[in-house]
Amino acid sequence: MNNWEKSNLDLATAPEITMEEENGNITVLIKHDYYSSDSDHGRIILASFLDSLSECGNNISKVILIDSAVRLLNDVSFAIKIEKLFSLAKNTFICEESITYFDIDYVSHSNIIVCPASDIFMELLDAGSLITIE
């Protein structure tokens, strides 16, 4: 990284690394059904992250699943972790295009909203504190 890049790096423009709570609400964006790399190790790390997030209690306002993260809905090894996270969130948004692309069958819940990617983008713009798991 050259000096110009270092001096112009503004971490405030990267909300996914901001872990501070704004008004006690956290939005969790999950992009994949693994963490970092598509491997058994990546799935173990994701499971650990989901367990940790479940300890946040009522601080989770939204959970958003996009891309291959929607496969977690049909993954029996993640079912309990995902259900617990969904139950803590005020709302859960699932990307309609991802559901279609990955051909996911899911059971609707009262706080789960399946919506187009454009609506999810608007939810992300509205997110105070964003944790991205990718």
C-alpha atoms as a PDB file:
ATOM      1  CA  MET A   1       0.000   0.000   0.000  1.00  0.00           C
ATOM      2  CA  ASN A   2       1.526   3.349  -0.950  1.00  0.00           C
ATOM      3  CA  ASN A   3       1.440   6.501   1.205  1.00  0.00           C
ATOM      4  CA  TRP A   4      -1.512   7.974  -0.681  1.00  0.00           C
ATOM      5  CA  GLU A   5      -3.596   4.857  -0.058  1.00  0.00           C
ATOM      6  CA  LYS A   6      -2.696   4.835   3.642  1.00  0.00           C
ATOM      7  CA  SER A   7      -3.553   8.488   4.167  1.00  0.00           C
ATOM      8  CA  ASN A   8      -6.894   8.190   2.360  1.00  0.00           C
ATOM      9  CA  LEU A   9      -8.054   4.981   4.031  1.00  0.00           C
ATOM     10  CA  ASP A  10     -11.209   5.783   5.949  1.00  0.00           C
ATOM     11  CA  LEU A  11     -12.428   2.897   8.073  1.00  0.00           C
ATOM     12  CA  ALA A  12     -15.712   4.690   8.689  1.00  0.00           C
ATOM     13  CA  THR A  13     -16.681   3.825   5.109  1.00  0.00           C
ATOM     14  CA  ALA A  14     -16.487   0.110   5.935  1.00  0.00           C
ATOM     15  CA  PRO A  15     -19.455  -0.495   8.271  1.00  0.00           C
ATOM     16  CA  GLU A  16     -19.022  -4.272   8.084  1.00  0.00           C
ATOM     17  CA  ILE A  17     -16.022  -4.003  10.409  1.00  0.00           C
ATOM     18  CA  THR A  18     -17.825  -1.742  12.871  1.00  0.00           C
ATOM     19  CA  MET A  19     -18.939  -3.765  15.857  1.00  0.00           C
ATOM     20  CA  GLU A  20     -20.340  -0.974  18.009  1.00  0.00           C
ATOM     21  CA  GLU A  21     -24.052  -1.010  18.671  1.00  0.00           C
ATOM     22  CA  GLU A  22     -26.184   1.891  17.508  1.00  0.00           C
ATOM     23  CA  ASN A  23     -29.315   2.216  19.634  1.00  0.00           C
ATOM     24  CA  GLY A  24     -28.832  -1.399  20.751  1.00  0.00           C
ATOM     25  CA  ASN A  25     -29.511  -2.789  17.278  1.00  0.00           C
ATOM     26  CA  ILE A  26     -27.229  -4.926  15.170  1.00  0.00           C
ATOM     27  CA  THR A  27     -27.847  -6.079  11.604  1.00  0.00           C
ATOM     28  CA  VAL A  28     -26.169  -9.365  10.689  1.00  0.00           C
ATOM     29  CA  LEU A  29     -25.507 -10.019   7.002  1.00  0.00           C
ATOM     30  CA  ILE A  30     -24.574 -13.626   6.211  1.00  0.00           C
ATOM     31  CA  LYS A  31     -23.323 -14.115   2.657  1.00  0.00           C
ATOM     32  CA  HIS A  32     -22.258 -17.758   2.509  1.00  0.00           C
ATOM     33  CA  ASP A  33     -22.911 -21.121   4.139  1.00  0.00           C
ATOM     34  CA  TYR A  34     -19.276 -21.145   5.260  1.00  0.00           C
ATOM     35  CA  TYR A  35     -16.755 -18.597   6.529  1.00  0.00           C
ATOM     36  CA  SER A  36     -13.731 -17.537   4.487  1.00  0.00           C
ATOM     37  CA  SER A  37     -13.282 -20.700   2.442  1.00  0.00           C
ATOM     38  CA  ASP A  38     -15.694 -23.372   1.288  1.00  0.00           C
ATOM     39  CA  SER A  39     -14.296 -26.143   3.467  1.00  0.00           C
ATOM     40  CA  ASP A  40     -15.102 -28.109   6.600  1.00  0.00           C
ATOM     41  CA  HIS A  41     -12.971 -25.662   8.565  1.00  0.00           C
ATOM     42  CA  GLY A  42     -14.937 -22.711   7.137  1.00  0.00           C
ATOM     43  CA  ARG A  43     -18.190 -24.362   8.226  1.00  0.00           C
ATOM     44  CA  ILE A  44     -16.817 -24.970  11.752  1.00  0.00           C
ATOM     45  CA  ILE A  45     -15.889 -21.292  12.041  1.00  0.00           C
ATOM     46  CA  LEU A  46     -19.330 -20.217  10.784  1.00  0.00           C
ATOM     47  CA  ALA A  47     -21.005 -22.479  13.358  1.00  0.00           C
ATOM     48  CA  SER A  48     -18.928 -20.847  16.093  1.00  0.00           C
ATOM     49  CA  PHE A  49     -19.846 -17.351  14.856  1.00  0.00           C
ATOM     50  CA  LEU A  50     -23.548 -18.232  14.822  1.00  0.00           C
ATOM     51  CA  ASP A  51     -23.302 -19.530  18.397  1.00  0.00           C
ATOM     52  CA  SER A  52     -21.596 -16.300  19.473  1.00  0.00           C
ATOM     53  CA  LEU A  53     -24.196 -14.154  17.719  1.00  0.00           C
ATOM     54  CA  SER A  54     -26.947 -16.022  19.532  1.00  0.00           C
ATOM     55  CA  GLU A  55     -25.473 -14.689  22.781  1.00  0.00           C
ATOM     56  CA  CYS A  56     -26.178 -11.095  21.652  1.00  0.00           C
ATOM     57  CA  GLY A  57     -29.752 -11.517  22.818  1.00  0.00           C
ATOM     58  CA  ASN A  58     -32.160  -8.758  21.893  1.00  0.00           C
ATOM     59  CA  ASN A  59     -29.455  -6.588  20.330  1.00  0.00           C
ATOM     60  CA  ILE A  60     -29.996  -8.215  16.921  1.00  0.00           C
ATOM     61  CA  SER A  61     -32.554  -6.265  14.958  1.00  0.00           C
ATOM     62  CA  LYS A  62     -32.108  -7.908  11.534  1.00  0.00           C
ATOM     63  CA  VAL A  63     -30.615 -11.053  10.081  1.00  0.00           C
ATOM     64  CA  ILE A  64     -30.101 -11.012   6.323  1.00  0.00           C
ATOM     65  CA  LEU A  65     -29.250 -14.087   4.244  1.00  0.00           C
ATOM     66  CA  ILE A  66     -27.997 -13.646   0.688  1.00  0.00           C
ATOM     67  CA  ASP A  67     -26.119 -15.702  -1.877  1.00  0.00           C
ATOM     68  CA  SER A  68     -25.173 -19.211  -0.705  1.00  0.00           C
ATOM     69  CA  ALA A  69     -26.120 -18.409   2.916  1.00  0.00           C
ATOM     70  CA  VAL A  70     -29.690 -19.345   1.970  1.00  0.00           C
ATOM     71  CA  ARG A  71     -28.506 -22.977   1.820  1.00  0.00           C
ATOM     72  CA  LEU A  72     -28.301 -22.842   5.623  1.00  0.00           C
ATOM     73  CA  LEU A  73     -32.112 -22.982   5.607  1.00  0.00           C
ATOM     74  CA  ASN A  74     -31.990 -26.583   4.379  1.00  0.00           C
ATOM     75  CA  ASP A  75     -28.825 -27.659   6.201  1.00  0.00           C
ATOM     76  CA  VAL A  76     -29.750 -29.915   9.137  1.00  0.00           C
ATOM     77  CA  SER A  77     -26.359 -29.383  10.793  1.00  0.00           C
ATOM     78  CA  PHE A  78     -27.117 -25.633  11.052  1.00  0.00           C
ATOM     79  CA  ALA A  79     -30.886 -25.816  11.635  1.00  0.00           C
ATOM     80  CA  ILE A  80     -30.857 -25.190  15.404  1.00  0.00           C
ATOM     81  CA  LYS A  81     -28.272 -22.394  15.170  1.00  0.00           C
ATOM     82  CA  ILE A  82     -30.152 -20.590  12.394  1.00  0.00           C
ATOM     83  CA  GLU A  83     -33.541 -20.986  14.106  1.00  0.00           C
ATOM     84  CA  LYS A  84     -32.127 -19.559  17.342  1.00  0.00           C
ATOM     85  CA  LEU A  85     -30.621 -16.592  15.503  1.00  0.00           C
ATOM     86  CA  PHE A  86     -33.898 -15.977  13.655  1.00  0.00           C
ATOM     87  CA  SER A  87     -35.848 -16.105  16.918  1.00  0.00           C
ATOM     88  CA  LEU A  88     -33.639 -13.395  18.444  1.00  0.00           C
ATOM     89  CA  ALA A  89     -33.915 -11.022  15.492  1.00  0.00           C
ATOM     90  CA  LYS A  90     -36.829  -8.669  15.102  1.00  0.00           C
ATOM     91  CA  ASN A  91     -36.842  -9.418  11.355  1.00  0.00           C
ATOM     92  CA  THR A  92     -35.086 -11.813   9.025  1.00  0.00           C
ATOM     93  CA  PHE A  93     -34.701 -11.005   5.353  1.00  0.00           C
ATOM     94  CA  ILE A  94     -33.921 -13.688   2.795  1.00  0.00           C
ATOM     95  CA  CYS A  95     -32.921 -12.836  -0.750  1.00  0.00           C
ATOM     96  CA  GLU A  96     -35.565 -14.027  -3.179  1.00  0.00           C
ATOM     97  CA  GLU A  97     -33.097 -14.314  -6.068  1.00  0.00           C
ATOM     98  CA  SER A  98     -30.786 -16.497  -3.960  1.00  0.00           C
ATOM     99  CA  ILE A  99     -33.677 -18.755  -2.908  1.00  0.00           C
ATOM    100  CA  THR A 100     -34.545 -19.239  -6.574  1.00  0.00           C
ATOM    101  CA  TYR A 101     -30.952 -19.695  -7.746  1.00  0.00           C
ATOM    102  CA  PHE A 102     -30.110 -22.333  -5.115  1.00  0.00           C
ATOM    103  CA  ASP A 103     -33.584 -23.941  -5.370  1.00  0.00           C
ATOM    104  CA  ILE A 104     -34.218 -23.752  -1.631  1.00  0.00           C
ATOM    105  CA  ASP A 105     -37.315 -25.116   0.072  1.00  0.00           C
ATOM    106  CA  TYR A 106     -38.091 -23.280   3.281  1.00  0.00           C
ATOM    107  CA  VAL A 107     -40.830 -23.084   5.830  1.00  0.00           C
ATOM    108  CA  SER A 108     -42.154 -19.596   6.360  1.00  0.00           C
ATOM    109  CA  HIS A 109     -42.011 -18.041   9.825  1.00  0.00           C
ATOM    110  CA  SER A 110     -43.716 -14.922  11.069  1.00  0.00           C
ATOM    111  CA  ASN A 111     -40.545 -12.826  11.280  1.00  0.00           C
ATOM    112  CA  ILE A 112     -39.014 -14.041   7.985  1.00  0.00           C
ATOM    113  CA  ILE A 113     -39.420 -11.851   4.932  1.00  0.00           C
ATOM    114  CA  VAL A 114     -38.439 -13.174   1.510  1.00  0.00           C
ATOM    115  CA  CYS A 115     -37.762 -10.169  -0.677  1.00  0.00           C
ATOM    116  CA  PRO A 116     -35.856  -9.069  -3.770  1.00  0.00           C
ATOM    117  CA  ALA A 117     -32.205  -8.025  -3.552  1.00  0.00           C
ATOM    118  CA  SER A 118     -33.231  -4.400  -4.115  1.00  0.00           C
ATOM    119  CA  ASP A 119     -35.240  -4.441  -0.859  1.00  0.00           C
ATOM    120  CA  ILE A 120     -32.333  -6.054   0.976  1.00  0.00           C
ATOM    121  CA  PHE A 121     -30.076  -3.278  -0.283  1.00  0.00           C
ATOM    122  CA  MET A 122     -32.466  -0.725   1.233  1.00  0.00           C
ATOM    123  CA  GLU A 123     -32.409  -2.624   4.542  1.00  0.00           C
ATOM    124  CA  LEU A 124     -28.604  -2.511   4.483  1.00  0.00           C
ATOM    125  CA  LEU A 125     -28.673   1.242   3.906  1.00  0.00           C
ATOM    126  CA  ASP A 126     -30.910   1.531   6.968  1.00  0.00           C
ATOM    127  CA  ALA A 127     -28.612  -0.641   9.117  1.00  0.00           C
ATOM    128  CA  GLY A 128     -27.022   1.188  12.016  1.00  0.00           C
ATOM    129  CA  SER A 129     -24.402  -1.373  12.957  1.00  0.00           C
ATOM    130  CA  LEU A 130     -23.601  -4.059  10.438  1.00  0.00           C
ATOM    131  CA  ILE A 131     -21.768  -7.320  11.009  1.00  0.00           C
ATOM    132  CA  THR A 132     -20.924  -9.084   7.760  1.00  0.00           C
ATOM    133  CA  ILE A 133     -20.038 -12.757   7.760  1.00  0.00           C
ATOM    134  CA  GLU A 134     -18.581 -13.786   4.431  1.00  0.00           C
END
